mmCIF file of all heavy atoms, coordinates in Angstrom:
data_MODEL
# 
_entry.id   MODEL 
# 
loop_
_atom_site.group_PDB 
_atom_site.id 
_atom_site.type_symbol 
_atom_site.label_atom_id 
_atom_site.label_alt_id 
_atom_site.label_comp_id 
_atom_site.label_asym_id 
_atom_site.label_entity_id 
_atom_site.label_seq_id 
_atom_site.pdbx_PDB_ins_code 
_atom_site.Cartn_x 
_atom_site.Cartn_y 
_atom_site.Cartn_z 
_atom_site.occupancy 
_atom_site.B_iso_or_equiv 
_atom_site.pdbx_formal_charge 
_atom_site.auth_seq_id 
_atom_site.auth_comp_id 
_atom_site.auth_asym_id 
_atom_site.auth_atom_id 
_atom_site.pdbx_PDB_model_num 
ATOM 1   N N   . ASN A 1 1  ? 51.355 107.594 101.701 1.00 0.00 ? 1  ASN A N   1 
ATOM 2   C CA  . ASN A 1 1  ? 50.295 107.471 102.692 1.00 0.00 ? 1  ASN A CA  1 
ATOM 3   C C   . ASN A 1 1  ? 50.622 106.358 103.693 1.00 0.00 ? 1  ASN A C   1 
ATOM 4   O O   . ASN A 1 1  ? 50.370 106.494 104.885 1.00 0.00 ? 1  ASN A O   1 
ATOM 5   C CB  . ASN A 1 1  ? 48.957 107.157 102.022 1.00 0.00 ? 1  ASN A CB  1 
ATOM 6   C CG  . ASN A 1 1  ? 48.364 108.383 101.354 1.00 0.00 ? 1  ASN A CG  1 
ATOM 7   O OD1 . ASN A 1 1  ? 48.744 109.500 101.700 1.00 0.00 ? 1  ASN A OD1 1 
ATOM 8   N ND2 . ASN A 1 1  ? 47.454 108.181 100.417 1.00 0.00 ? 1  ASN A ND2 1 
ATOM 9   N N   . LYS A 1 2  ? 51.191 105.268 103.190 1.00 0.00 ? 2  LYS A N   1 
ATOM 10  C CA  . LYS A 1 2  ? 51.562 104.163 104.076 1.00 0.00 ? 2  LYS A CA  1 
ATOM 11  C C   . LYS A 1 2  ? 52.647 104.611 105.036 1.00 0.00 ? 2  LYS A C   1 
ATOM 12  O O   . LYS A 1 2  ? 52.623 104.298 106.216 1.00 0.00 ? 2  LYS A O   1 
ATOM 13  C CB  . LYS A 1 2  ? 52.035 102.954 103.266 1.00 0.00 ? 2  LYS A CB  1 
ATOM 14  C CG  . LYS A 1 2  ? 50.918 102.132 102.725 1.00 0.00 ? 2  LYS A CG  1 
ATOM 15  C CD  . LYS A 1 2  ? 51.487 100.885 102.123 1.00 0.00 ? 2  LYS A CD  1 
ATOM 16  C CE  . LYS A 1 2  ? 50.397 99.973  101.624 1.00 0.00 ? 2  LYS A CE  1 
ATOM 17  N NZ  . LYS A 1 2  ? 50.872 98.771  101.046 1.00 0.00 ? 2  LYS A NZ  1 
ATOM 18  N N   . GLU A 1 3  ? 53.604 105.368 104.516 1.00 0.00 ? 3  GLU A N   1 
ATOM 19  C CA  . GLU A 1 3  ? 54.706 105.845 105.368 1.00 0.00 ? 3  GLU A CA  1 
ATOM 20  C C   . GLU A 1 3  ? 54.169 106.788 106.428 1.00 0.00 ? 3  GLU A C   1 
ATOM 21  O O   . GLU A 1 3  ? 54.583 106.761 107.590 1.00 0.00 ? 3  GLU A O   1 
ATOM 22  C CB  . GLU A 1 3  ? 55.775 106.550 104.528 1.00 0.00 ? 3  GLU A CB  1 
ATOM 23  C CG  . GLU A 1 3  ? 56.636 105.596 103.751 1.00 0.00 ? 3  GLU A CG  1 
ATOM 24  C CD  . GLU A 1 3  ? 57.682 106.325 102.899 1.00 0.00 ? 3  GLU A CD  1 
ATOM 25  O OE1 . GLU A 1 3  ? 57.999 107.492 103.201 1.00 0.00 ? 3  GLU A OE1 1 
ATOM 26  O OE2 . GLU A 1 3  ? 58.203 105.683 101.988 1.00 0.00 ? 3  GLU A OE2 1 
ATOM 27  N N   . LYS A 1 4  ? 53.237 107.677 106.043 1.00 0.00 ? 4  LYS A N   1 
ATOM 28  C CA  . LYS A 1 4  ? 52.651 108.609 106.996 1.00 0.00 ? 4  LYS A CA  1 
ATOM 29  C C   . LYS A 1 4  ? 51.870 107.846 108.063 1.00 0.00 ? 4  LYS A C   1 
ATOM 30  O O   . LYS A 1 4  ? 51.915 108.192 109.240 1.00 0.00 ? 4  LYS A O   1 
ATOM 31  C CB  . LYS A 1 4  ? 51.737 109.594 106.294 1.00 0.00 ? 4  LYS A CB  1 
ATOM 32  C CG  . LYS A 1 4  ? 52.487 110.718 105.640 1.00 0.00 ? 4  LYS A CG  1 
ATOM 33  C CD  . LYS A 1 4  ? 51.505 111.723 105.101 1.00 0.00 ? 4  LYS A CD  1 
ATOM 34  C CE  . LYS A 1 4  ? 52.261 112.865 104.449 1.00 0.00 ? 4  LYS A CE  1 
ATOM 35  N NZ  . LYS A 1 4  ? 51.396 113.849 103.876 1.00 0.00 ? 4  LYS A NZ  1 
ATOM 36  N N   . GLU A 1 5  ? 51.148 106.807 107.652 1.00 0.00 ? 5  GLU A N   1 
ATOM 37  C CA  . GLU A 1 5  ? 50.394 106.014 108.597 1.00 0.00 ? 5  GLU A CA  1 
ATOM 38  C C   . GLU A 1 5  ? 51.340 105.317 109.570 1.00 0.00 ? 5  GLU A C   1 
ATOM 39  O O   . GLU A 1 5  ? 51.087 105.248 110.762 1.00 0.00 ? 5  GLU A O   1 
ATOM 40  C CB  . GLU A 1 5  ? 49.547 104.960 107.865 1.00 0.00 ? 5  GLU A CB  1 
ATOM 41  C CG  . GLU A 1 5  ? 48.313 105.510 107.233 1.00 0.00 ? 5  GLU A CG  1 
ATOM 42  C CD  . GLU A 1 5  ? 47.530 104.422 106.527 1.00 0.00 ? 5  GLU A CD  1 
ATOM 43  O OE1 . GLU A 1 5  ? 47.649 103.237 106.917 1.00 0.00 ? 5  GLU A OE1 1 
ATOM 44  O OE2 . GLU A 1 5  ? 46.782 104.768 105.615 1.00 0.00 ? 5  GLU A OE2 1 
ATOM 45  N N   . GLN A 1 6  ? 52.468 104.801 109.040 1.00 0.00 ? 6  GLN A N   1 
ATOM 46  C CA  . GLN A 1 6  ? 53.444 104.142 109.904 1.00 0.00 ? 6  GLN A CA  1 
ATOM 47  C C   . GLN A 1 6  ? 54.036 105.146 110.877 1.00 0.00 ? 6  GLN A C   1 
ATOM 48  O O   . GLN A 1 6  ? 54.223 104.847 112.046 1.00 0.00 ? 6  GLN A O   1 
ATOM 49  C CB  . GLN A 1 6  ? 54.546 103.489 109.060 1.00 0.00 ? 6  GLN A CB  1 
ATOM 50  C CG  . GLN A 1 6  ? 54.080 102.238 108.358 1.00 0.00 ? 6  GLN A CG  1 
ATOM 51  C CD  . GLN A 1 6  ? 55.180 101.637 107.471 1.00 0.00 ? 6  GLN A CD  1 
ATOM 52  O OE1 . GLN A 1 6  ? 56.226 102.238 107.273 1.00 0.00 ? 6  GLN A OE1 1 
ATOM 53  N NE2 . GLN A 1 6  ? 54.904 100.455 106.924 1.00 0.00 ? 6  GLN A NE2 1 
ATOM 54  N N   . GLU A 1 7  ? 54.367 106.372 110.394 1.00 0.00 ? 7  GLU A N   1 
ATOM 55  C CA  . GLU A 1 7  ? 54.922 107.398 111.279 1.00 0.00 ? 7  GLU A CA  1 
ATOM 56  C C   . GLU A 1 7  ? 53.898 107.758 112.346 1.00 0.00 ? 7  GLU A C   1 
ATOM 57  O O   . GLU A 1 7  ? 54.232 107.937 113.518 1.00 0.00 ? 7  GLU A O   1 
ATOM 58  C CB  . GLU A 1 7  ? 55.294 108.642 110.488 1.00 0.00 ? 7  GLU A CB  1 
ATOM 59  C CG  . GLU A 1 7  ? 56.555 108.475 109.690 1.00 0.00 ? 7  GLU A CG  1 
ATOM 60  C CD  . GLU A 1 7  ? 56.861 109.735 108.877 1.00 0.00 ? 7  GLU A CD  1 
ATOM 61  O OE1 . GLU A 1 7  ? 56.334 110.810 109.213 1.00 0.00 ? 7  GLU A OE1 1 
ATOM 62  O OE2 . GLU A 1 7  ? 57.645 109.612 107.940 1.00 0.00 ? 7  GLU A OE2 1 
ATOM 63  N N   . THR A 1 8  ? 52.643 107.926 111.934 1.00 0.00 ? 8  THR A N   1 
ATOM 64  C CA  . THR A 1 8  ? 51.586 108.279 112.864 1.00 0.00 ? 8  THR A CA  1 
ATOM 65  C C   . THR A 1 8  ? 51.420 107.164 113.875 1.00 0.00 ? 8  THR A C   1 
ATOM 66  O O   . THR A 1 8  ? 51.277 107.411 115.067 1.00 0.00 ? 8  THR A O   1 
ATOM 67  C CB  . THR A 1 8  ? 50.259 108.496 112.114 1.00 0.00 ? 8  THR A CB  1 
ATOM 68  O OG1 . THR A 1 8  ? 50.467 109.442 111.078 1.00 0.00 ? 8  THR A OG1 1 
ATOM 69  C CG2 . THR A 1 8  ? 49.200 108.997 113.053 1.00 0.00 ? 8  THR A CG2 1 
ATOM 70  N N   . THR A 1 9  ? 51.476 105.927 113.395 1.00 0.00 ? 9  THR A N   1 
ATOM 71  C CA  . THR A 1 9  ? 51.348 104.792 114.283 1.00 0.00 ? 9  THR A CA  1 
ATOM 72  C C   . THR A 1 9  ? 52.498 104.772 115.269 1.00 0.00 ? 9  THR A C   1 
ATOM 73  O O   . THR A 1 9  ? 52.307 104.542 116.447 1.00 0.00 ? 9  THR A O   1 
ATOM 74  C CB  . THR A 1 9  ? 51.317 103.475 113.481 1.00 0.00 ? 9  THR A CB  1 
ATOM 75  O OG1 . THR A 1 9  ? 50.320 103.564 112.500 1.00 0.00 ? 9  THR A OG1 1 
ATOM 76  C CG2 . THR A 1 9  ? 51.027 102.319 114.376 1.00 0.00 ? 9  THR A CG2 1 
ATOM 77  N N   . GLN A 1 10 ? 53.663 105.033 114.780 1.00 0.00 ? 10 GLN A N   1 
ATOM 78  C CA  . GLN A 1 10 ? 54.829 105.023 115.657 1.00 0.00 ? 10 GLN A CA  1 
ATOM 79  C C   . GLN A 1 10 ? 54.742 106.158 116.659 1.00 0.00 ? 10 GLN A C   1 
ATOM 80  O O   . GLN A 1 10 ? 55.111 106.010 117.809 1.00 0.00 ? 10 GLN A O   1 
ATOM 81  C CB  . GLN A 1 10 ? 56.107 105.156 114.829 1.00 0.00 ? 10 GLN A CB  1 
ATOM 82  C CG  . GLN A 1 10 ? 56.426 103.916 114.053 1.00 0.00 ? 10 GLN A CG  1 
ATOM 83  C CD  . GLN A 1 10 ? 57.668 104.105 113.199 1.00 0.00 ? 10 GLN A CD  1 
ATOM 84  O OE1 . GLN A 1 10 ? 58.232 105.188 113.145 1.00 0.00 ? 10 GLN A OE1 1 
ATOM 85  N NE2 . GLN A 1 10 ? 58.078 103.051 112.516 1.00 0.00 ? 10 GLN A NE2 1 
ATOM 86  N N   . VAL A 1 11 ? 54.277 107.306 116.264 1.00 0.00 ? 11 VAL A N   1 
ATOM 87  C CA  . VAL A 1 11 ? 54.183 108.462 117.143 1.00 0.00 ? 11 VAL A CA  1 
ATOM 88  C C   . VAL A 1 11 ? 53.119 108.217 118.199 1.00 0.00 ? 11 VAL A C   1 
ATOM 89  O O   . VAL A 1 11 ? 53.287 108.557 119.349 1.00 0.00 ? 11 VAL A O   1 
ATOM 90  C CB  . VAL A 1 11 ? 53.862 109.734 116.336 1.00 0.00 ? 11 VAL A CB  1 
ATOM 91  C CG1 . VAL A 1 11 ? 53.566 110.895 117.262 1.00 0.00 ? 11 VAL A CG1 1 
ATOM 92  C CG2 . VAL A 1 11 ? 55.011 110.043 115.416 1.00 0.00 ? 11 VAL A CG2 1 
ATOM 93  N N   . THR A 1 12 ? 52.029 107.621 117.830 1.00 0.00 ? 12 THR A N   1 
ATOM 94  C CA  . THR A 1 12 ? 50.940 107.420 118.769 1.00 0.00 ? 12 THR A CA  1 
ATOM 95  C C   . THR A 1 12 ? 51.187 106.251 119.722 1.00 0.00 ? 12 THR A C   1 
ATOM 96  O O   . THR A 1 12 ? 50.535 106.146 120.731 1.00 0.00 ? 12 THR A O   1 
ATOM 97  C CB  . THR A 1 12 ? 49.618 107.186 118.011 1.00 0.00 ? 12 THR A CB  1 
ATOM 98  O OG1 . THR A 1 12 ? 49.759 106.068 117.175 1.00 0.00 ? 12 THR A OG1 1 
ATOM 99  C CG2 . THR A 1 12 ? 49.220 108.403 117.237 1.00 0.00 ? 12 THR A CG2 1 
ATOM 100 N N   . THR A 1 13 ? 52.099 105.353 119.408 1.00 0.00 ? 13 THR A N   1 
ATOM 101 C CA  . THR A 1 13 ? 52.394 104.239 120.309 1.00 0.00 ? 13 THR A CA  1 
ATOM 102 C C   . THR A 1 13 ? 53.132 104.806 121.520 1.00 0.00 ? 13 THR A C   1 
ATOM 103 O O   . THR A 1 13 ? 54.173 105.438 121.364 1.00 0.00 ? 13 THR A O   1 
ATOM 104 C CB  . THR A 1 13 ? 53.284 103.187 119.620 1.00 0.00 ? 13 THR A CB  1 
ATOM 105 O OG1 . THR A 1 13 ? 52.653 102.768 118.427 1.00 0.00 ? 13 THR A OG1 1 
ATOM 106 C CG2 . THR A 1 13 ? 53.521 102.019 120.519 1.00 0.00 ? 13 THR A CG2 1 
ATOM 107 N N   . PRO A 1 14 ? 52.587 104.625 122.678 1.00 0.00 ? 14 PRO A N   1 
ATOM 108 C CA  . PRO A 1 14 ? 53.226 105.212 123.863 1.00 0.00 ? 14 PRO A CA  1 
ATOM 109 C C   . PRO A 1 14 ? 54.544 104.515 124.163 1.00 0.00 ? 14 PRO A C   1 
ATOM 110 O O   . PRO A 1 14 ? 54.631 103.297 124.177 1.00 0.00 ? 14 PRO A O   1 
ATOM 111 C CB  . PRO A 1 14 ? 52.222 104.985 124.979 1.00 0.00 ? 14 PRO A CB  1 
ATOM 112 C CG  . PRO A 1 14 ? 51.337 103.890 124.516 1.00 0.00 ? 14 PRO A CG  1 
ATOM 113 C CD  . PRO A 1 14 ? 51.396 103.893 123.024 1.00 0.00 ? 14 PRO A CD  1 
ATOM 114 N N   . THR A 1 15 ? 55.553 105.284 124.391 1.00 0.00 ? 15 THR A N   1 
ATOM 115 C CA  . THR A 1 15 ? 56.853 104.748 124.796 1.00 0.00 ? 15 THR A CA  1 
ATOM 116 C C   . THR A 1 15 ? 56.944 104.863 126.304 1.00 0.00 ? 15 THR A C   1 
ATOM 117 O O   . THR A 1 15 ? 56.444 105.816 126.905 1.00 0.00 ? 15 THR A O   1 
ATOM 118 C CB  . THR A 1 15 ? 58.003 105.538 124.147 1.00 0.00 ? 15 THR A CB  1 
ATOM 119 O OG1 . THR A 1 15 ? 57.878 106.892 124.527 1.00 0.00 ? 15 THR A OG1 1 
ATOM 120 C CG2 . THR A 1 15 ? 57.993 105.400 122.651 1.00 0.00 ? 15 THR A CG2 1 
ATOM 121 N N   . PRO A 1 16 ? 57.559 103.871 126.923 1.00 0.00 ? 16 PRO A N   1 
ATOM 122 C CA  . PRO A 1 16 ? 57.654 103.921 128.392 1.00 0.00 ? 16 PRO A CA  1 
ATOM 123 C C   . PRO A 1 16 ? 58.492 105.128 128.817 1.00 0.00 ? 16 PRO A C   1 
ATOM 124 O O   . PRO A 1 16 ? 59.519 105.420 128.232 1.00 0.00 ? 16 PRO A O   1 
ATOM 125 C CB  . PRO A 1 16 ? 58.323 102.620 128.782 1.00 0.00 ? 16 PRO A CB  1 
ATOM 126 C CG  . PRO A 1 16 ? 58.788 101.971 127.525 1.00 0.00 ? 16 PRO A CG  1 
ATOM 127 C CD  . PRO A 1 16 ? 58.179 102.701 126.369 1.00 0.00 ? 16 PRO A CD  1 
ATOM 128 N N   . ASP A 1 17 ? 57.999 105.802 129.868 1.00 0.00 ? 17 ASP A N   1 
ATOM 129 C CA  . ASP A 1 17 ? 58.698 106.973 130.401 1.00 0.00 ? 17 ASP A CA  1 
ATOM 130 C C   . ASP A 1 17 ? 59.889 106.486 131.226 1.00 0.00 ? 17 ASP A C   1 
ATOM 131 O O   . ASP A 1 17 ? 59.718 105.713 132.174 1.00 0.00 ? 17 ASP A O   1 
ATOM 132 C CB  . ASP A 1 17 ? 57.724 107.775 131.263 1.00 0.00 ? 17 ASP A CB  1 
ATOM 133 C CG  . ASP A 1 17 ? 58.352 109.042 131.815 1.00 0.00 ? 17 ASP A CG  1 
ATOM 134 O OD1 . ASP A 1 17 ? 59.378 109.477 131.291 1.00 0.00 ? 17 ASP A OD1 1 
ATOM 135 O OD2 . ASP A 1 17 ? 57.776 109.584 132.787 1.00 0.00 ? 17 ASP A OD2 1 
ATOM 136 N N   . PRO A 1 18 ? 61.121 106.918 130.901 1.00 0.00 ? 18 PRO A N   1 
ATOM 137 C CA  . PRO A 1 18 ? 62.292 106.444 131.646 1.00 0.00 ? 18 PRO A CA  1 
ATOM 138 C C   . PRO A 1 18 ? 62.228 106.805 133.129 1.00 0.00 ? 18 PRO A C   1 
ATOM 139 O O   . PRO A 1 18 ? 62.690 106.047 133.982 1.00 0.00 ? 18 PRO A O   1 
ATOM 140 C CB  . PRO A 1 18 ? 63.468 107.119 130.953 1.00 0.00 ? 18 PRO A CB  1 
ATOM 141 C CG  . PRO A 1 18 ? 62.951 107.708 129.692 1.00 0.00 ? 18 PRO A CG  1 
ATOM 142 C CD  . PRO A 1 18 ? 61.476 107.778 129.792 1.00 0.00 ? 18 PRO A CD  1 
ATOM 143 N N   . ALA A 1 19 ? 61.660 107.940 133.460 1.00 0.00 ? 19 ALA A N   1 
ATOM 144 C CA  . ALA A 1 19 ? 61.573 108.357 134.864 1.00 0.00 ? 19 ALA A CA  1 
ATOM 145 C C   . ALA A 1 19 ? 60.659 107.415 135.643 1.00 0.00 ? 19 ALA A C   1 
ATOM 146 O O   . ALA A 1 19 ? 60.967 107.018 136.782 1.00 0.00 ? 19 ALA A O   1 
ATOM 147 C CB  . ALA A 1 19 ? 61.071 109.790 134.952 1.00 0.00 ? 19 ALA A CB  1 
ATOM 148 N N   . GLU A 1 20 ? 59.515 107.056 135.039 1.00 0.00 ? 20 GLU A N   1 
ATOM 149 C CA  . GLU A 1 20 ? 58.587 106.125 135.683 1.00 0.00 ? 20 GLU A CA  1 
ATOM 150 C C   . GLU A 1 20 ? 59.233 104.761 135.851 1.00 0.00 ? 20 GLU A C   1 
ATOM 151 O O   . GLU A 1 20 ? 59.082 104.118 136.886 1.00 0.00 ? 20 GLU A O   1 
ATOM 152 C CB  . GLU A 1 20 ? 57.288 105.990 134.875 1.00 0.00 ? 20 GLU A CB  1 
ATOM 153 C CG  . GLU A 1 20 ? 56.298 107.102 135.097 1.00 0.00 ? 20 GLU A CG  1 
ATOM 154 C CD  . GLU A 1 20 ? 55.848 107.189 136.551 1.00 0.00 ? 20 GLU A CD  1 
ATOM 155 O OE1 . GLU A 1 20 ? 55.533 106.161 137.176 1.00 0.00 ? 20 GLU A OE1 1 
ATOM 156 O OE2 . GLU A 1 20 ? 55.834 108.313 137.075 1.00 0.00 ? 20 GLU A OE2 1 
ATOM 157 N N   . GLU A 1 21 ? 59.931 104.306 134.843 1.00 0.00 ? 21 GLU A N   1 
ATOM 158 C CA  . GLU A 1 21 ? 60.620 103.024 134.909 1.00 0.00 ? 21 GLU A CA  1 
ATOM 159 C C   . GLU A 1 21 ? 61.661 103.050 136.021 1.00 0.00 ? 21 GLU A C   1 
ATOM 160 O O   . GLU A 1 21 ? 61.802 102.098 136.787 1.00 0.00 ? 21 GLU A O   1 
ATOM 161 C CB  . GLU A 1 21 ? 61.269 102.681 133.554 1.00 0.00 ? 21 GLU A CB  1 
ATOM 162 C CG  . GLU A 1 21 ? 60.284 102.327 132.462 1.00 0.00 ? 21 GLU A CG  1 
ATOM 163 C CD  . GLU A 1 21 ? 59.507 101.066 132.798 1.00 0.00 ? 21 GLU A CD  1 
ATOM 164 O OE1 . GLU A 1 21 ? 60.092 100.083 133.294 1.00 0.00 ? 21 GLU A OE1 1 
ATOM 165 O OE2 . GLU A 1 21 ? 58.280 101.074 132.588 1.00 0.00 ? 21 GLU A OE2 1 
ATOM 166 N N   . ALA A 1 22 ? 62.405 104.172 136.147 1.00 0.00 ? 22 ALA A N   1 
ATOM 167 C CA  . ALA A 1 22 ? 63.429 104.302 137.183 1.00 0.00 ? 22 ALA A CA  1 
ATOM 168 C C   . ALA A 1 22 ? 62.784 104.292 138.563 1.00 0.00 ? 22 ALA A C   1 
ATOM 169 O O   . ALA A 1 22 ? 63.308 103.683 139.507 1.00 0.00 ? 22 ALA A O   1 
ATOM 170 C CB  . ALA A 1 22 ? 64.241 105.569 136.964 1.00 0.00 ? 22 ALA A CB  1 
ATOM 171 N N   . LYS A 1 23 ? 61.626 104.960 138.710 1.00 0.00 ? 23 LYS A N   1 
ATOM 172 C CA  . LYS A 1 23 ? 60.920 104.982 139.991 1.00 0.00 ? 23 LYS A CA  1 
ATOM 173 C C   . LYS A 1 23 ? 60.476 103.575 140.388 1.00 0.00 ? 23 LYS A C   1 
ATOM 174 O O   . LYS A 1 23 ? 60.620 103.164 141.533 1.00 0.00 ? 23 LYS A O   1 
ATOM 175 C CB  . LYS A 1 23 ? 59.693 105.893 139.914 1.00 0.00 ? 23 LYS A CB  1 
ATOM 176 C CG  . LYS A 1 23 ? 60.006 107.365 139.990 1.00 0.00 ? 23 LYS A CG  1 
ATOM 177 C CD  . LYS A 1 23 ? 58.717 108.176 139.973 1.00 0.00 ? 23 LYS A CD  1 
ATOM 178 C CE  . LYS A 1 23 ? 58.994 109.661 140.007 1.00 0.00 ? 23 LYS A CE  1 
ATOM 179 N NZ  . LYS A 1 23 ? 57.756 110.467 139.944 1.00 0.00 ? 23 LYS A NZ  1 
ATOM 180 N N   . LYS A 1 24 ? 59.910 102.847 139.406 1.00 0.00 ? 24 LYS A N   1 
ATOM 181 C CA  . LYS A 1 24 ? 59.460 101.489 139.681 1.00 0.00 ? 24 LYS A CA  1 
ATOM 182 C C   . LYS A 1 24 ? 60.628 100.597 140.073 1.00 0.00 ? 24 LYS A C   1 
ATOM 183 O O   . LYS A 1 24 ? 60.541 99.798  141.005 1.00 0.00 ? 24 LYS A O   1 
ATOM 184 C CB  . LYS A 1 24 ? 58.740 100.905 138.467 1.00 0.00 ? 24 LYS A CB  1 
ATOM 185 C CG  . LYS A 1 24 ? 57.378 101.510 138.223 1.00 0.00 ? 24 LYS A CG  1 
ATOM 186 C CD  . LYS A 1 24 ? 56.724 100.896 137.005 1.00 0.00 ? 24 LYS A CD  1 
ATOM 187 C CE  . LYS A 1 24 ? 55.377 101.531 136.706 1.00 0.00 ? 24 LYS A CE  1 
ATOM 188 N NZ  . LYS A 1 24 ? 54.771 101.007 135.489 1.00 0.00 ? 24 LYS A NZ  1 
ATOM 189 N N   . GLU A 1 25 ? 61.720 100.733 139.352 1.00 0.00 ? 25 GLU A N   1 
ATOM 190 C CA  . GLU A 1 25 ? 62.909 99.927  139.641 1.00 0.00 ? 25 GLU A CA  1 
ATOM 191 C C   . GLU A 1 25 ? 63.468 100.287 141.016 1.00 0.00 ? 25 GLU A C   1 
ATOM 192 O O   . GLU A 1 25 ? 63.834 99.416  141.813 1.00 0.00 ? 25 GLU A O   1 
ATOM 193 C CB  . GLU A 1 25 ? 63.963 100.148 138.557 1.00 0.00 ? 25 GLU A CB  1 
ATOM 194 C CG  . GLU A 1 25 ? 65.144 99.213  138.680 1.00 0.00 ? 25 GLU A CG  1 
ATOM 195 C CD  . GLU A 1 25 ? 66.148 99.385  137.542 1.00 0.00 ? 25 GLU A CD  1 
ATOM 196 O OE1 . GLU A 1 25 ? 65.747 99.757  136.423 1.00 0.00 ? 25 GLU A OE1 1 
ATOM 197 O OE2 . GLU A 1 25 ? 67.330 99.119  137.808 1.00 0.00 ? 25 GLU A OE2 1 
# 
């Protein structure tokens, strides 16, 4: 259950979109 919660937490944490980062840069 802890591992599933960690996976869920990791999945739900938004990762920066590389395209958006490239546009900003």
